[in-house]
Amino acid sequence: MMYYGNGMNGWGMFLMIVNSLLFWGLVAAGIVAMARYTGRDVLRRGPVTHGPVPQQMLAERFARGDIDEDEYTRRLQVLDTKTPAHGPGD
């Protein structure tokens, strides 16, 4: 039975549905925007480095003349190996 007078008609139902969809759409867009904003800040920073890497320090010593070419290549090979030369307990 249709209500005429104080009851909600078809336009009222339509506006209620549209308002509900807009509200939840804005809530979802806000969550996505917040996730992207906070995620982008972490990606922009990159890994934290605390000074030059050992290979850079070795290259600087070689450039200054502190070490010769043979010592430079020998130490560079030690730094580039995957396993440490002296493990714990050696």
PDB file of N, CA and C in Angstrom:
ATOM      1  N   MET A   1       0.839  -1.170   0.000  1.00  0.00           N
ATOM      2  CA  MET A   1       0.000   0.000   0.000  1.00  0.00           C
ATOM      3  C   MET A   1       0.888   1.238   0.000  1.00  0.00           C
ATOM      4  N   MET A   2       0.605   2.197  -0.812  1.00  0.00           N
ATOM      5  CA  MET A   2       1.378   3.429  -0.915  1.00  0.00           C
ATOM      6  C   MET A   2       0.867   4.444   0.104  1.00  0.00           C
ATOM      7  N   TYR A   3       1.806   5.161   0.716  1.00  0.00           N
ATOM      8  CA  TYR A   3       1.452   6.191   1.681  1.00  0.00           C
ATOM      9  C   TYR A   3       1.464   7.535   0.988  1.00  0.00           C
ATOM     10  N   TYR A   4       0.456   8.269   1.160  1.00  0.00           N
ATOM     11  CA  TYR A   4       0.380   9.637   0.652  1.00  0.00           C
ATOM     12  C   TYR A   4       0.255  10.544   1.853  1.00  0.00           C
ATOM     13  N   GLY A   5       1.006  11.601   1.879  1.00  0.00           N
ATOM     14  CA  GLY A   5       0.928  12.509   3.017  1.00  0.00           C
ATOM     15  C   GLY A   5       2.235  12.478   3.776  1.00  0.00           C
ATOM     16  N   ASN A   6       2.260  11.878   4.958  1.00  0.00           N
ATOM     17  CA  ASN A   6       3.449  11.874   5.803  1.00  0.00           C
ATOM     18  C   ASN A   6       4.414  10.730   5.489  1.00  0.00           C
ATOM     19  N   GLY A   7       4.068   9.780   4.689  1.00  0.00           N
ATOM     20  CA  GLY A   7       4.934   8.654   4.376  1.00  0.00           C
ATOM     21  C   GLY A   7       5.993   9.011   3.328  1.00  0.00           C
ATOM     22  N   MET A   8       6.999   8.139   3.181  1.00  0.00           N
ATOM     23  CA  MET A   8       8.080   8.377   2.226  1.00  0.00           C
ATOM     24  C   MET A   8       7.650   7.853   0.862  1.00  0.00           C
ATOM     25  N   ASN A   9       7.823   8.679  -0.171  1.00  0.00           N
ATOM     26  CA  ASN A   9       7.461   8.247  -1.515  1.00  0.00           C
ATOM     27  C   ASN A   9       8.710   7.761  -2.251  1.00  0.00           C
ATOM     28  N   GLY A  10       8.617   7.515  -3.536  1.00  0.00           N
ATOM     29  CA  GLY A  10       9.716   6.993  -4.330  1.00  0.00           C
ATOM     30  C   GLY A  10      10.922   7.908  -4.364  1.00  0.00           C
ATOM     31  N   TRP A  11      10.712   9.219  -4.410  1.00  0.00           N
ATOM     32  CA  TRP A  11      11.840  10.160  -4.433  1.00  0.00           C
ATOM     33  C   TRP A  11      12.588  10.156  -3.102  1.00  0.00           C
ATOM     34  N   GLY A  12      11.863  10.011  -2.030  1.00  0.00           N
ATOM     35  CA  GLY A  12      12.509   9.947  -0.726  1.00  0.00           C
ATOM     36  C   GLY A  12      13.408   8.722  -0.606  1.00  0.00           C
ATOM     37  N   MET A  13      12.948   7.580  -1.093  1.00  0.00           N
ATOM     38  CA  MET A  13      13.755   6.359  -1.078  1.00  0.00           C
ATOM     39  C   MET A  13      14.991   6.521  -1.965  1.00  0.00           C
ATOM     40  N   PHE A  14      14.795   7.138  -3.142  1.00  0.00           N
ATOM     41  CA  PHE A  14      15.896   7.350  -4.066  1.00  0.00           C
ATOM     42  C   PHE A  14      16.972   8.239  -3.436  1.00  0.00           C
ATOM     43  N   LEU A  15      16.565   9.341  -2.816  1.00  0.00           N
ATOM     44  CA  LEU A  15      17.530  10.246  -2.183  1.00  0.00           C
ATOM     45  C   LEU A  15      18.229   9.585  -0.999  1.00  0.00           C
ATOM     46  N   MET A  16      17.523   8.746  -0.270  1.00  0.00           N
ATOM     47  CA  MET A  16      18.138   8.053   0.854  1.00  0.00           C
ATOM     48  C   MET A  16      19.212   7.077   0.361  1.00  0.00           C
ATOM     49  N   ILE A  17      18.947   6.365  -0.719  1.00  0.00           N
ATOM     50  CA  ILE A  17      19.923   5.432  -1.272  1.00  0.00           C
ATOM     51  C   ILE A  17      21.133   6.188  -1.813  1.00  0.00           C
ATOM     52  N   VAL A  18      20.901   7.283  -2.539  1.00  0.00           N
ATOM     53  CA  VAL A  18      22.000   8.068  -3.101  1.00  0.00           C
ATOM     54  C   VAL A  18      22.864   8.644  -1.978  1.00  0.00           C
ATOM     55  N   ASN A  19      22.242   9.183  -0.936  1.00  0.00           N
ATOM     56  CA  ASN A  19      23.007   9.732   0.181  1.00  0.00           C
ATOM     57  C   ASN A  19      23.824   8.658   0.887  1.00  0.00           C
ATOM     58  N   SER A  20      23.265   7.483   1.037  1.00  0.00           N
ATOM     59  CA  SER A  20      23.988   6.393   1.681  1.00  0.00           C
ATOM     60  C   SER A  20      25.191   5.971   0.837  1.00  0.00           C
ATOM     61  N   LEU A  21      25.002   5.846  -0.467  1.00  0.00           N
ATOM     62  CA  LEU A  21      26.115   5.474  -1.350  1.00  0.00           C
ATOM     63  C   LEU A  21      27.201   6.551  -1.351  1.00  0.00           C
ATOM     64  N   LEU A  22      26.826   7.808  -1.369  1.00  0.00           N
ATOM     65  CA  LEU A  22      27.810   8.887  -1.324  1.00  0.00           C
ATOM     66  C   LEU A  22      28.593   8.875  -0.016  1.00  0.00           C
ATOM     67  N   PHE A  23      27.906   8.668   1.078  1.00  0.00           N
ATOM     68  CA  PHE A  23      28.570   8.643   2.376  1.00  0.00           C
ATOM     69  C   PHE A  23      29.606   7.529   2.440  1.00  0.00           C
ATOM     70  N   TRP A  24      29.199   6.307   2.116  1.00  0.00           N
ATOM     71  CA  TRP A  24      30.130   5.180   2.199  1.00  0.00           C
ATOM     72  C   TRP A  24      31.231   5.269   1.144  1.00  0.00           C
ATOM     73  N   GLY A  25      30.931   5.869   0.007  1.00  0.00           N
ATOM     74  CA  GLY A  25      31.966   6.096  -0.996  1.00  0.00           C
ATOM     75  C   GLY A  25      33.016   7.076  -0.498  1.00  0.00           C
ATOM     76  N   LEU A  26      32.588   8.135   0.172  1.00  0.00           N
ATOM     77  CA  LEU A  26      33.539   9.097   0.731  1.00  0.00           C
ATOM     78  C   LEU A  26      34.360   8.476   1.864  1.00  0.00           C
ATOM     79  N   VAL A  27      33.737   7.634   2.671  1.00  0.00           N
ATOM     80  CA  VAL A  27      34.481   6.955   3.735  1.00  0.00           C
ATOM     81  C   VAL A  27      35.558   6.048   3.132  1.00  0.00           C
ATOM     82  N   ALA A  28      35.206   5.278   2.104  1.00  0.00           N
ATOM     83  CA  ALA A  28      36.177   4.390   1.453  1.00  0.00           C
ATOM     84  C   ALA A  28      37.289   5.190   0.779  1.00  0.00           C
ATOM     85  N   ALA A  29      36.929   6.294   0.108  1.00  0.00           N
ATOM     86  CA  ALA A  29      37.953   7.127  -0.540  1.00  0.00           C
ATOM     87  C   ALA A  29      38.885   7.742   0.488  1.00  0.00           C
ATOM     88  N   GLY A  30      38.376   8.114   1.636  1.00  0.00           N
ATOM     89  CA  GLY A  30      39.220   8.654   2.698  1.00  0.00           C
ATOM     90  C   GLY A  30      40.204   7.624   3.231  1.00  0.00           C
ATOM     91  N   ILE A  31      39.743   6.394   3.396  1.00  0.00           N
ATOM     92  CA  ILE A  31      40.625   5.324   3.877  1.00  0.00           C
ATOM     93  C   ILE A  31      41.709   5.038   2.848  1.00  0.00           C
ATOM     94  N   VAL A  32      41.353   4.975   1.569  1.00  0.00           N
ATOM     95  CA  VAL A  32      42.338   4.723   0.513  1.00  0.00           C
ATOM     96  C   VAL A  32      43.343   5.858   0.440  1.00  0.00           C
ATOM     97  N   ALA A  33      42.863   7.100   0.516  1.00  0.00           N
ATOM     98  CA  ALA A  33      43.768   8.252   0.452  1.00  0.00           C
ATOM     99  C   ALA A  33      44.724   8.252   1.643  1.00  0.00           C
ATOM    100  N   MET A  34      44.236   7.914   2.821  1.00  0.00           N
ATOM    101  CA  MET A  34      45.098   7.884   4.004  1.00  0.00           C
ATOM    102  C   MET A  34      46.142   6.775   3.882  1.00  0.00           C
ATOM    103  N   ALA A  35      45.742   5.620   3.363  1.00  0.00           N
ATOM    104  CA  ALA A  35      46.693   4.518   3.186  1.00  0.00           C
ATOM    105  C   ALA A  35      47.759   4.887   2.166  1.00  0.00           C
ATOM    106  N   ARG A  36      47.373   5.525   1.085  1.00  0.00           N
ATOM    107  CA  ARG A  36      48.349   5.928   0.075  1.00  0.00           C
ATOM    108  C   ARG A  36      49.281   7.005   0.602  1.00  0.00           C
ATOM    109  N   TYR A  37      48.751   7.941   1.352  1.00  0.00           N
ATOM    110  CA  TYR A  37      49.580   9.035   1.876  1.00  0.00           C
ATOM    111  C   TYR A  37      50.622   8.511   2.850  1.00  0.00           C
ATOM    112  N   THR A  38      50.216   7.638   3.753  1.00  0.00           N
ATOM    113  CA  THR A  38      51.171   7.121   4.730  1.00  0.00           C
ATOM    114  C   THR A  38      52.125   6.125   4.087  1.00  0.00           C
ATOM    115  N   GLY A  39      51.678   5.324   3.123  1.00  0.00           N
ATOM    116  CA  GLY A  39      52.539   4.374   2.445  1.00  0.00           C
ATOM    117  C   GLY A  39      53.575   5.050   1.571  1.00  0.00           C
ATOM    118  N   ARG A  40      53.218   6.144   0.940  1.00  0.00           N
ATOM    119  CA  ARG A  40      54.135   6.857   0.062  1.00  0.00           C
ATOM    120  C   ARG A  40      55.277   7.461   0.860  1.00  0.00           C
ATOM    121  N   ASP A  41      55.010   7.910   2.060  1.00  0.00           N
ATOM    122  CA  ASP A  41      56.053   8.522   2.885  1.00  0.00           C
ATOM    123  C   ASP A  41      57.118   7.490   3.253  1.00  0.00           C
ATOM    124  N   VAL A  42      56.698   6.277   3.530  1.00  0.00           N
ATOM    125  CA  VAL A  42      57.656   5.226   3.873  1.00  0.00           C
ATOM    126  C   VAL A  42      58.486   4.850   2.654  1.00  0.00           C
ATOM    127  N   LEU A  43      57.864   4.751   1.483  1.00  0.00           N
ATOM    128  CA  LEU A  43      58.587   4.375   0.273  1.00  0.00           C
ATOM    129  C   LEU A  43      59.556   5.457  -0.175  1.00  0.00           C
ATOM    130  N   ARG A  44      59.227   6.695   0.050  1.00  0.00           N
ATOM    131  CA  ARG A  44      60.066   7.794  -0.392  1.00  0.00           C
ATOM    132  C   ARG A  44      61.373   7.841   0.390  1.00  0.00           C
ATOM    133  N   ARG A  45      61.336   7.479   1.638  1.00  0.00           N
ATOM    134  CA  ARG A  45      62.533   7.557   2.475  1.00  0.00           C
ATOM    135  C   ARG A  45      63.596   6.552   2.061  1.00  0.00           C
ATOM    136  N   GLY A  46      63.189   5.343   1.730  1.00  0.00           N
ATOM    137  CA  GLY A  46      64.140   4.309   1.340  1.00  0.00           C
ATOM    138  C   GLY A  46      64.849   3.746   2.555  1.00  0.00           C
ATOM    139  N   PRO A  47      65.853   2.926   2.314  1.00  0.00           N
ATOM    140  CA  PRO A  47      66.571   2.325   3.445  1.00  0.00           C
ATOM    141  C   PRO A  47      67.412   3.365   4.179  1.00  0.00           C
ATOM    142  N   VAL A  48      67.547   3.148   5.465  1.00  0.00           N
ATOM    143  CA  VAL A  48      68.327   4.062   6.288  1.00  0.00           C
ATOM    144  C   VAL A  48      69.791   3.661   6.199  1.00  0.00           C
ATOM    145  N   THR A  49      70.642   4.601   5.852  1.00  0.00           N
ATOM    146  CA  THR A  49      72.076   4.338   5.794  1.00  0.00           C
ATOM    147  C   THR A  49      72.762   5.194   6.845  1.00  0.00           C
ATOM    148  N   HIS A  50      73.761   4.627   7.475  1.00  0.00           N
ATOM    149  CA  HIS A  50      74.483   5.329   8.526  1.00  0.00           C
ATOM    150  C   HIS A  50      75.918   5.560   8.093  1.00  0.00           C
ATOM    151  N   GLY A  51      76.115   6.347   7.073  1.00  0.00           N
ATOM    152  CA  GLY A  51      77.461   6.643   6.601  1.00  0.00           C
ATOM    153  C   GLY A  51      77.804   5.848   5.356  1.00  0.00           C
ATOM    154  N   PRO A  52      79.026   5.993   4.899  1.00  0.00           N
ATOM    155  CA  PRO A  52      79.430   5.318   3.666  1.00  0.00           C
ATOM    156  C   PRO A  52      79.572   3.812   3.866  1.00  0.00           C
ATOM    157  N   VAL A  53      79.362   3.079   2.796  1.00  0.00           N
ATOM    158  CA  VAL A  53      79.522   1.631   2.854  1.00  0.00           C
ATOM    159  C   VAL A  53      81.010   1.304   2.815  1.00  0.00           C
ATOM    160  N   PRO A  54      81.395   0.124   3.274  1.00  0.00           N
ATOM    161  CA  PRO A  54      82.825  -0.215   3.337  1.00  0.00           C
ATOM    162  C   PRO A  54      83.538  -0.130   1.984  1.00  0.00           C
ATOM    163  N   GLN A  55      82.836  -0.482   0.890  1.00  0.00           N
ATOM    164  CA  GLN A  55      83.468  -0.395  -0.418  1.00  0.00           C
ATOM    165  C   GLN A  55      83.820   1.055  -0.769  1.00  0.00           C
ATOM    166  N   GLN A  56      82.960   1.999  -0.389  1.00  0.00           N
ATOM    167  CA  GLN A  56      83.250   3.411  -0.646  1.00  0.00           C
ATOM    168  C   GLN A  56      84.450   3.876   0.177  1.00  0.00           C
ATOM    169  N   MET A  57      84.507   3.448   1.426  1.00  0.00           N
ATOM    170  CA  MET A  57      85.639   3.844   2.271  1.00  0.00           C
ATOM    171  C   MET A  57      86.947   3.275   1.724  1.00  0.00           C
ATOM    172  N   LEU A  58      86.884   2.030   1.241  1.00  0.00           N
ATOM    173  CA  LEU A  58      88.072   1.412   0.668  1.00  0.00           C
ATOM    174  C   LEU A  58      88.514   2.141  -0.601  1.00  0.00           C
ATOM    175  N   ALA A  59      87.550   2.526  -1.443  1.00  0.00           N
ATOM    176  CA  ALA A  59      87.878   3.265  -2.662  1.00  0.00           C
ATOM    177  C   ALA A  59      88.490   4.625  -2.329  1.00  0.00           C
ATOM    178  N   GLU A  60      87.998   5.282  -1.278  1.00  0.00           N
ATOM    179  CA  GLU A  60      88.568   6.570  -0.869  1.00  0.00           C
ATOM    180  C   GLU A  60      90.011   6.399  -0.381  1.00  0.00           C
ATOM    181  N   ARG A  61      90.269   5.339   0.373  1.00  0.00           N
ATOM    182  CA  ARG A  61      91.641   5.091   0.839  1.00  0.00           C
ATOM    183  C   ARG A  61      92.573   4.818  -0.337  1.00  0.00           C
ATOM    184  N   PHE A  62      92.071   4.073  -1.334  1.00  0.00           N
ATOM    185  CA  PHE A  62      92.872   3.793  -2.515  1.00  0.00           C
ATOM    186  C   PHE A  62      93.124   5.081  -3.302  1.00  0.00           C
ATOM    187  N   ALA A  63      92.119   5.942  -3.400  1.00  0.00           N
ATOM    188  CA  ALA A  63      92.272   7.200  -4.129  1.00  0.00           C
ATOM    189  C   ALA A  63      93.253   8.134  -3.422  1.00  0.00           C
ATOM    190  N   ARG A  64      93.274   8.111  -2.103  1.00  0.00           N
ATOM    191  CA  ARG A  64      94.221   8.958  -1.354  1.00  0.00           C
ATOM    192  C   ARG A  64      95.645   8.420  -1.408  1.00  0.00           C
ATOM    193  N   GLY A  65      95.790   7.148  -1.753  1.00  0.00           N
ATOM    194  CA  GLY A  65      97.114   6.550  -1.810  1.00  0.00           C
ATOM    195  C   GLY A  65      97.504   5.860  -0.525  1.00  0.00           C
ATOM    196  N   ASP A  66      96.574   5.650   0.382  1.00  0.00           N
ATOM    197  CA  ASP A  66      96.862   4.965   1.640  1.00  0.00           C
ATOM    198  C   ASP A  66      97.183   3.491   1.422  1.00  0.00           C
ATOM    199  N   ILE A  67      96.550   2.878   0.408  1.00  0.00           N
ATOM    200  CA  ILE A  67      96.781   1.462   0.111  1.00  0.00           C
ATOM    201  C   ILE A  67      97.100   1.325  -1.368  1.00  0.00           C
ATOM    202  N   ASP A  68      97.824   0.246  -1.716  1.00  0.00           N
ATOM    203  CA  ASP A  68      98.170   0.037  -3.121  1.00  0.00           C
ATOM    204  C   ASP A  68      97.088  -0.799  -3.811  1.00  0.00           C
ATOM    205  N   GLU A  69      97.284  -1.030  -5.106  1.00  0.00           N
ATOM    206  CA  GLU A  69      96.262  -1.701  -5.913  1.00  0.00           C
ATOM    207  C   GLU A  69      96.050  -3.147  -5.474  1.00  0.00           C
ATOM    208  N   ASP A  70      97.116  -3.848  -5.153  1.00  0.00           N
ATOM    209  CA  ASP A  70      96.978  -5.244  -4.728  1.00  0.00           C
ATOM    210  C   ASP A  70      96.173  -5.349  -3.436  1.00  0.00           C
ATOM    211  N   GLU A  71      96.471  -4.493  -2.480  1.00  0.00           N
ATOM    212  CA  GLU A  71      95.735  -4.518  -1.217  1.00  0.00           C
ATOM    213  C   GLU A  71      94.279  -4.113  -1.431  1.00  0.00           C
ATOM    214  N   TYR A  72      94.058  -3.145  -2.330  1.00  0.00           N
ATOM    215  CA  TYR A  72      92.692  -2.713  -2.631  1.00  0.00           C
ATOM    216  C   TYR A  72      91.875  -3.864  -3.209  1.00  0.00           C
ATOM    217  N   THR A  73      92.413  -4.563  -4.200  1.00  0.00           N
ATOM    218  CA  THR A  73      91.666  -5.664  -4.812  1.00  0.00           C
ATOM    219  C   THR A  73      91.463  -6.811  -3.841  1.00  0.00           C
ATOM    220  N   ARG A  74      92.462  -7.094  -3.011  1.00  0.00           N
ATOM    221  CA  ARG A  74      92.342  -8.177  -2.031  1.00  0.00           C
ATOM    222  C   ARG A  74      91.237  -7.851  -1.016  1.00  0.00           C
ATOM    223  N   ARG A  75      91.238  -6.647  -0.497  1.00  0.00           N
ATOM    224  CA  ARG A  75      90.217  -6.262   0.492  1.00  0.00           C
ATOM    225  C   ARG A  75      88.833  -6.157  -0.145  1.00  0.00           C
ATOM    226  N   LEU A  76      88.789  -5.722  -1.393  1.00  0.00           N
ATOM    227  CA  LEU A  76      87.503  -5.621  -2.080  1.00  0.00           C
ATOM    228  C   LEU A  76      86.902  -7.006  -2.287  1.00  0.00           C
ATOM    229  N   GLN A  77      87.756  -7.999  -2.597  1.00  0.00           N
ATOM    230  CA  GLN A  77      87.259  -9.367  -2.747  1.00  0.00           C
ATOM    231  C   GLN A  77      86.731  -9.902  -1.422  1.00  0.00           C
ATOM    232  N   VAL A  78      87.385  -9.567  -0.336  1.00  0.00           N
ATOM    233  CA  VAL A  78      86.917 -10.008   0.979  1.00  0.00           C
ATOM    234  C   VAL A  78      85.567  -9.377   1.302  1.00  0.00           C
ATOM    235  N   LEU A  79      85.402  -8.096   0.960  1.00  0.00           N
ATOM    236  CA  LEU A  79      84.133  -7.421   1.243  1.00  0.00           C
ATOM    237  C   LEU A  79      82.998  -7.945   0.366  1.00  0.00           C
ATOM    238  N   ASP A  80      83.313  -8.389  -0.845  1.00  0.00           N
ATOM    239  CA  ASP A  80      82.276  -8.834  -1.770  1.00  0.00           C
ATOM    240  C   ASP A  80      81.851 -10.280  -1.558  1.00  0.00           C
ATOM    241  N   THR A  81      82.565 -11.037  -0.727  1.00  0.00           N
ATOM    242  CA  THR A  81      82.168 -12.418  -0.489  1.00  0.00           C
ATOM    243  C   THR A  81      80.894 -12.448   0.337  1.00  0.00           C
ATOM    244  N   LYS A  82      80.097 -13.471   0.106  1.00  0.00           N
ATOM    245  CA  LYS A  82      78.810 -13.592   0.810  1.00  0.00           C
ATOM    246  C   LYS A  82      78.987 -14.023   2.250  1.00  0.00           C
ATOM    247  N   THR A  83      79.939 -14.912   2.501  1.00  0.00           N
ATOM    248  CA  THR A  83      80.136 -15.409   3.860  1.00  0.00           C
ATOM    249  C   THR A  83      81.257 -14.608   4.525  1.00  0.00           C
ATOM    250  N   PRO A  84      81.147 -14.333   5.810  1.00  0.00           N
ATOM    251  CA  PRO A  84      82.214 -13.594   6.494  1.00  0.00           C
ATOM    252  C   PRO A  84      83.487 -14.416   6.559  1.00  0.00           C
ATOM    253  N   ALA A  85      84.628 -13.714   6.499  1.00  0.00           N
ATOM    254  CA  ALA A  85      85.918 -14.392   6.535  1.00  0.00           C
ATOM    255  C   ALA A  85      86.138 -15.064   7.875  1.00  0.00           C
ATOM    256  N   HIS A  86      85.744 -14.400   8.943  1.00  0.00           N
ATOM    257  CA  HIS A  86      85.920 -14.948  10.297  1.00  0.00           C
ATOM    258  C   HIS A  86      84.563 -14.912  10.984  1.00  0.00           C
ATOM    259  N   GLY A  87      83.999 -16.066  11.192  1.00  0.00           N
ATOM    260  CA  GLY A  87      82.705 -16.149  11.859  1.00  0.00           C
ATOM    261  C   GLY A  87      82.880 -16.124  13.362  1.00  0.00           C
ATOM    262  N   PRO A  88      81.804 -16.130  14.108  1.00  0.00           N
ATOM    263  CA  PRO A  88      81.904 -16.145  15.554  1.00  0.00           C
ATOM    264  C   PRO A  88      82.510 -17.457  16.034  1.00  0.00           C
ATOM    265  N   GLY A  89      83.430 -17.368  16.931  1.00  0.00           N
ATOM    266  CA  GLY A  89      84.074 -18.545  17.480  1.00  0.00           C
ATOM    267  C   GLY A  89      85.347 -18.924  16.767  1.00  0.00           C
ATOM    268  N   ASP A  90      85.742 -18.208  15.709  1.00  0.00           N
ATOM    269  CA  ASP A  90      86.995 -18.517  14.998  1.00  0.00           C
ATOM    270  C   ASP A  90      88.168 -17.898  15.679  1.00  0.00           C
TER     271      ASP A  90
END
